[in-house]
C-alpha atoms as a PDB file:
ATOM      1  CA  MET A   1     -24.846  -1.440  20.259  1.00  0.00           C
ATOM      2  CA  LYS A   2     -21.108  -3.258  20.365  1.00  0.00           C
ATOM      3  CA  PRO A   3     -17.970  -0.958  19.066  1.00  0.00           C
ATOM      4  CA  PHE A   4     -17.017  -2.286  15.901  1.00  0.00           C
ATOM      5  CA  ARG A   5     -13.806  -4.246  17.464  1.00  0.00           C
ATOM      6  CA  THR A   6     -15.331  -6.579  19.113  1.00  0.00           C
ATOM      7  CA  ASN A   7     -15.587  -7.730  15.294  1.00  0.00           C
ATOM      8  CA  ARG A   8     -11.620  -8.350  15.098  1.00  0.00           C
ATOM      9  CA  VAL A   9     -10.789 -11.986  13.036  1.00  0.00           C
ATOM     10  CA  VAL A  10      -8.956 -13.510  15.803  1.00  0.00           C
ATOM     11  CA  PRO A  11      -5.339 -14.517  12.939  1.00  0.00           C
ATOM     12  CA  GLY A  12      -4.778 -17.692  13.157  1.00  0.00           C
ATOM     13  CA  PRO A  13      -0.530 -19.082  12.759  1.00  0.00           C
ATOM     14  CA  GLY A  14       1.570 -17.271  10.712  1.00  0.00           C
ATOM     15  CA  GLN A  15      -1.264 -13.825  10.718  1.00  0.00           C
ATOM     16  CA  GLU A  16      -1.716 -10.732  12.043  1.00  0.00           C
ATOM     17  CA  SER A  17      -4.859  -8.947  12.358  1.00  0.00           C
ATOM     18  CA  VAL A  18      -5.046  -5.530  11.135  1.00  0.00           C
ATOM     19  CA  TRP A  19      -6.915  -4.327  14.150  1.00  0.00           C
ATOM     20  CA  ASP A  20      -3.391  -4.784  16.332  1.00  0.00           C
ATOM     21  CA  TYR A  21      -1.465  -2.379  14.186  1.00  0.00           C
ATOM     22  CA  PRO A  22      -1.048   0.848  15.733  1.00  0.00           C
ATOM     23  CA  ARG A  23      -2.401   4.130  15.521  1.00  0.00           C
ATOM     24  CA  PRO A  24      -0.665   6.569  14.543  1.00  0.00           C
ATOM     25  CA  PRO A  25       1.293   4.044  12.356  1.00  0.00           C
ATOM     26  CA  ARG A  26       4.606   2.057  12.634  1.00  0.00           C
ATOM     27  CA  VAL A  27       7.411   1.965   8.715  1.00  0.00           C
ATOM     28  CA  GLU A  28       8.678  -1.514   9.546  1.00  0.00           C
ATOM     29  CA  THR A  29      10.625  -2.708   6.664  1.00  0.00           C
ATOM     30  CA  SER A  30      10.095  -5.973   4.669  1.00  0.00           C
ATOM     31  CA  ALA A  31      12.048  -8.769   3.290  1.00  0.00           C
ATOM     32  CA  ASP A  32       8.845 -10.267   1.202  1.00  0.00           C
ATOM     33  CA  ARG A  33       9.109 -10.219  -2.309  1.00  0.00           C
ATOM     34  CA  VAL A  34       7.028  -7.927  -4.340  1.00  0.00           C
ATOM     35  CA  VAL A  35       6.213  -8.515  -8.308  1.00  0.00           C
ATOM     36  CA  VAL A  36       4.689  -6.078  -9.983  1.00  0.00           C
ATOM     37  CA  THR A  37       3.392  -6.028 -13.484  1.00  0.00           C
ATOM     38  CA  LEU A  38       0.954  -4.121 -15.566  1.00  0.00           C
ATOM     39  CA  GLY A  39       0.348  -3.673 -19.572  1.00  0.00           C
ATOM     40  CA  GLY A  40       1.771  -7.605 -19.633  1.00  0.00           C
ATOM     41  CA  LEU A  41       5.295  -5.914 -18.347  1.00  0.00           C
ATOM     42  CA  VAL A  42       7.152  -6.562 -15.435  1.00  0.00           C
ATOM     43  CA  LEU A  43       7.468  -2.736 -13.607  1.00  0.00           C
ATOM     44  CA  VAL A  44       8.856  -3.381 -10.509  1.00  0.00           C
ATOM     45  CA  ASP A  45      10.507  -6.706  -8.201  1.00  0.00           C
ATOM     46  CA  THR A  46      12.429  -6.433  -5.940  1.00  0.00           C
ATOM     47  CA  ASP A  47      12.690  -7.433  -1.871  1.00  0.00           C
ATOM     48  CA  ASP A  48      13.716  -3.825  -0.587  1.00  0.00           C
ATOM     49  CA  ALA A  49      10.023  -2.925   0.501  1.00  0.00           C
ATOM     50  CA  VAL A  50       9.364  -1.405   3.191  1.00  0.00           C
ATOM     51  CA  ARG A  51       5.319  -2.000   5.342  1.00  0.00           C
ATOM     52  CA  VAL A  52       2.569   0.627   6.884  1.00  0.00           C
ATOM     53  CA  LEU A  53       1.155  -0.775   9.499  1.00  0.00           C
ATOM     54  CA  GLU A  54      -2.059   1.160  10.313  1.00  0.00           C
ATOM     55  CA  THR A  55      -5.189  -0.459  12.917  1.00  0.00           C
ATOM     56  CA  SER A  56      -8.220  -1.831  10.972  1.00  0.00           C
ATOM     57  CA  HIS A  57      -5.992  -1.606   6.853  1.00  0.00           C
ATOM     58  CA  PRO A  58      -3.938  -4.009   5.619  1.00  0.00           C
ATOM     59  CA  PRO A  59      -0.416  -2.600   4.934  1.00  0.00           C
ATOM     60  CA  VAL A  60       0.723  -0.498   2.345  1.00  0.00           C
ATOM     61  CA  TYR A  61       3.992  -1.290   0.259  1.00  0.00           C
ATOM     62  CA  TYR A  62       6.578   1.139  -0.915  1.00  0.00           C
ATOM     63  CA  LEU A  63       9.247   0.862  -3.622  1.00  0.00           C
ATOM     64  CA  PRO A  64      12.583   1.446  -3.260  1.00  0.00           C
ATOM     65  CA  ARG A  65      11.960   4.123  -6.071  1.00  0.00           C
ATOM     66  CA  SER A  66      14.850   2.523  -8.416  1.00  0.00           C
ATOM     67  CA  ALA A  67      13.864  -0.587  -8.468  1.00  0.00           C
ATOM     68  CA  PHE A  68      11.508   1.148 -10.682  1.00  0.00           C
ATOM     69  CA  ARG A  69      11.362   0.116 -14.778  1.00  0.00           C
ATOM     70  CA  ALA A  70      12.614   3.393 -16.926  1.00  0.00           C
ATOM     71  CA  GLY A  71      10.034   5.563 -17.259  1.00  0.00           C
ATOM     72  CA  SER A  72       7.378   4.019 -15.892  1.00  0.00           C
ATOM     73  CA  LEU A  73       7.253   6.739 -12.938  1.00  0.00           C
ATOM     74  CA  GLU A  74       5.471   9.940 -14.557  1.00  0.00           C
ATOM     75  CA  PRO A  75       5.093  13.070 -11.715  1.00  0.00           C
ATOM     76  CA  VAL A  76       1.233  14.469 -12.006  1.00  0.00           C
ATOM     77  CA  THR A  77      -0.601  17.621 -10.426  1.00  0.00           C
ATOM     78  CA  GLY A  78      -2.422  17.058  -7.351  1.00  0.00           C
ATOM     79  CA  ARG A  79      -0.895  16.420  -3.792  1.00  0.00           C
ATOM     80  CA  SER A  80      -2.896  15.447  -0.526  1.00  0.00           C
ATOM     81  CA  TYR A  81      -1.788  15.278   3.426  1.00  0.00           C
ATOM     82  CA  CYS A  82      -1.315  12.285   6.055  1.00  0.00           C
ATOM     83  CA  GLU A  83      -1.312  14.449   9.514  1.00  0.00           C
ATOM     84  CA  TYR A  84       1.452  11.020   9.768  1.00  0.00           C
ATOM     85  CA  LYS A  85       2.910  11.244   7.077  1.00  0.00           C
ATOM     86  CA  GLY A  86       3.382  14.991   5.263  1.00  0.00           C
ATOM     87  CA  GLU A  87       1.840  15.749   1.902  1.00  0.00           C
ATOM     88  CA  ALA A  88       1.992  13.115  -0.482  1.00  0.00           C
ATOM     89  CA  SER A  89       2.560  13.009  -4.193  1.00  0.00           C
ATOM     90  CA  TYR A  90       1.293  10.814  -7.316  1.00  0.00           C
ATOM     91  CA  LEU A  91       2.712   9.249  -9.965  1.00  0.00           C
ATOM     92  CA  SER A  92       0.834   7.616 -13.093  1.00  0.00           C
ATOM     93  CA  VAL A  93       1.825   4.767 -13.630  1.00  0.00           C
ATOM     94  CA  VAL A  94       2.704   4.233 -17.443  1.00  0.00           C
ATOM     95  CA  THR A  95       4.005   1.560 -20.094  1.00  0.00           C
ATOM     96  CA  PRO A  96       3.015   0.931 -23.633  1.00  0.00           C
ATOM     97  CA  GLY A  97      -0.513   1.207 -24.426  1.00  0.00           C
ATOM     98  CA  ARG A  98      -1.325   1.676 -20.971  1.00  0.00           C
ATOM     99  CA  VAL A  99      -1.025   4.797 -18.281  1.00  0.00           C
ATOM    100  CA  GLU A 100      -2.884   3.939 -15.325  1.00  0.00           C
ATOM    101  CA  GLU A 101      -3.163   7.972 -14.393  1.00  0.00           C
ATOM    102  CA  ALA A 102      -2.063   8.916 -10.290  1.00  0.00           C
ATOM    103  CA  ALA A 103      -1.931   5.061  -9.905  1.00  0.00           C
ATOM    104  CA  GLY A 104       1.060   5.697  -6.891  1.00  0.00           C
ATOM    105  CA  TRP A 105       2.223   7.920  -4.247  1.00  0.00           C
ATOM    106  CA  TYR A 106       4.813   8.420  -2.237  1.00  0.00           C
ATOM    107  CA  TYR A 107       6.488  11.363   0.574  1.00  0.00           C
ATOM    108  CA  PRO A 108       8.779  13.799  -1.186  1.00  0.00           C
ATOM    109  CA  SER A 109       9.627  14.304   2.360  1.00  0.00           C
ATOM    110  CA  PRO A 110       8.357  12.379   4.909  1.00  0.00           C
ATOM    111  CA  THR A 111       7.624  13.237   8.336  1.00  0.00           C
ATOM    112  CA  ARG A 112       9.632  12.280  11.614  1.00  0.00           C
ATOM    113  CA  GLY A 113       9.302   8.649  11.891  1.00  0.00           C
ATOM    114  CA  PHE A 114       8.425   8.157   8.165  1.00  0.00           C
ATOM    115  CA  GLU A 115      11.869   8.567   7.093  1.00  0.00           C
ATOM    116  CA  ASP A 116      12.329   5.132   5.590  1.00  0.00           C
ATOM    117  CA  LEU A 117       9.696   6.113   2.631  1.00  0.00           C
ATOM    118  CA  ALA A 118      12.603   8.880   1.659  1.00  0.00           C
ATOM    119  CA  ASN A 119      12.239   7.629  -2.502  1.00  0.00           C
ATOM    120  CA  ARG A 120       9.823   5.142  -2.360  1.00  0.00           C
ATOM    121  CA  VAL A 121       6.447   4.748  -4.100  1.00  0.00           C
ATOM    122  CA  ALA A 122       3.099   3.226  -3.273  1.00  0.00           C
ATOM    123  CA  LEU A 123       0.851   1.548  -5.581  1.00  0.00           C
ATOM    124  CA  TYR A 124      -2.752   0.801  -5.629  1.00  0.00           C
ATOM    125  CA  PRO A 125      -2.910  -2.967  -6.024  1.00  0.00           C
ATOM    126  CA  GLY A 126      -6.503  -2.862  -7.871  1.00  0.00           C
ATOM    127  CA  ARG A 127      -4.876  -0.796 -10.769  1.00  0.00           C
ATOM    128  CA  MET A 128      -2.083  -2.817 -12.211  1.00  0.00           C
ATOM    129  CA  ASP A 129      -2.711  -6.299 -13.631  1.00  0.00           C
ATOM    130  CA  LEU A 130      -0.868  -8.018 -10.689  1.00  0.00           C
ATOM    131  CA  VAL A 131       0.235  -6.868  -7.115  1.00  0.00           C
ATOM    132  CA  THR A 132       2.268 -10.333  -5.832  1.00  0.00           C
ATOM    133  CA  VAL A 133       3.827 -11.105  -2.168  1.00  0.00           C
ATOM    134  CA  ASN A 134       6.210 -13.670  -2.439  1.00  0.00           C
ATOM    135  CA  GLY A 135       3.852 -15.237  -4.842  1.00  0.00           C
ATOM    136  CA  GLU A 136       0.533 -14.550  -4.107  1.00  0.00           C
ATOM    137  CA  ALA A 137      -1.190 -12.915  -6.494  1.00  0.00           C
ATOM    138  CA  VAL A 138      -2.379  -9.771  -3.751  1.00  0.00           C
ATOM    139  CA  LEU A 139      -6.272  -8.305  -3.185  1.00  0.00           C
ATOM    140  CA  PRO A 140      -7.367  -4.153  -3.025  1.00  0.00           C
ATOM    141  CA  GLN A 141      -8.472  -2.876   0.315  1.00  0.00           C
ATOM    142  CA  PRO A 142     -11.862  -1.731  -0.387  1.00  0.00           C
ATOM    143  CA  GLY A 143     -13.329   1.743  -1.306  1.00  0.00           C
ATOM    144  CA  ASP A 144     -11.555   3.613  -3.752  1.00  0.00           C
ATOM    145  CA  PHE A 145      -9.482   6.367  -1.680  1.00  0.00           C
ATOM    146  CA  TYR A 146      -7.041   3.284   0.100  1.00  0.00           C
ATOM    147  CA  GLY A 147      -3.967   1.688  -0.893  1.00  0.00           C
ATOM    148  CA  GLY A 148      -2.939  -1.964   1.140  1.00  0.00           C
ATOM    149  CA  TRP A 149      -2.250  -4.469   0.103  1.00  0.00           C
ATOM    150  CA  ILE A 150      -4.286  -7.567   1.458  1.00  0.00           C
ATOM    151  CA  THR A 151      -3.181 -11.452   1.199  1.00  0.00           C
ATOM    152  CA  SER A 152      -3.314 -14.345   3.469  1.00  0.00           C
ATOM    153  CA  ARG A 153      -0.772 -13.396   6.254  1.00  0.00           C
ATOM    154  CA  VAL A 154      -3.900  -9.878   7.773  1.00  0.00           C
ATOM    155  CA  VAL A 155      -7.131 -10.815   9.150  1.00  0.00           C
ATOM    156  CA  GLY A 156      -9.669  -7.970   9.109  1.00  0.00           C
ATOM    157  CA  PRO A 157     -12.331  -6.884   8.889  1.00  0.00           C
ATOM    158  CA  PHE A 158     -10.357  -3.834   7.069  1.00  0.00           C
ATOM    159  CA  LYS A 159     -11.703  -0.242   6.754  1.00  0.00           C
ATOM    160  CA  GLY A 160     -12.588   1.119   3.196  1.00  0.00           C
ATOM    161  CA  ALA A 161     -15.907  -1.270   2.496  1.00  0.00           C
ATOM    162  CA  PRO A 162     -18.848   0.843   3.278  1.00  0.00           C
ATOM    163  CA  GLY A 163     -20.183   1.472   6.734  1.00  0.00           C
ATOM    164  CA  THR A 164     -16.418   2.039   7.772  1.00  0.00           C
ATOM    165  CA  LEU A 165     -15.716   4.831   7.589  1.00  0.00           C
ATOM    166  CA  GLY A 166     -16.227   6.120  10.999  1.00  0.00           C
ATOM    167  CA  TRP A 167     -13.967   3.679  11.844  1.00  0.00           C
END
């Protein structure tokens, strides 16, 4: 059986392969315009994002906490740990009449090399009504654990689908 990496999709012009992303992951600034809608309300509209790029994963966008609509983020119990970024805390995303429990996360004290994530929030795009990057609707990364954002800019295959746990 061939190693999975041989199934890498070759990127076209203007595209990136998630198989060219590093491990450990890298944080990079982005001037992409990100708009997030939930419950019929725009919660975020910003061009101040950072992306975390990690082998086999679509990018995860982290947005400034200050860019969110006031009152739309509420802390919830529960934590997780990333060997690279440190301990994550979770947030519910709230609009009048709608609550998405633990649909966002952040790193209160990110580890060295990931300081750019401080005061930023990542969201599971599949839990929102609509997430766009430069006007293009984002597709969520497969699976219920990962929070990657798939656009036409990135090609896979992507970790998260059935059978990819060991990648």
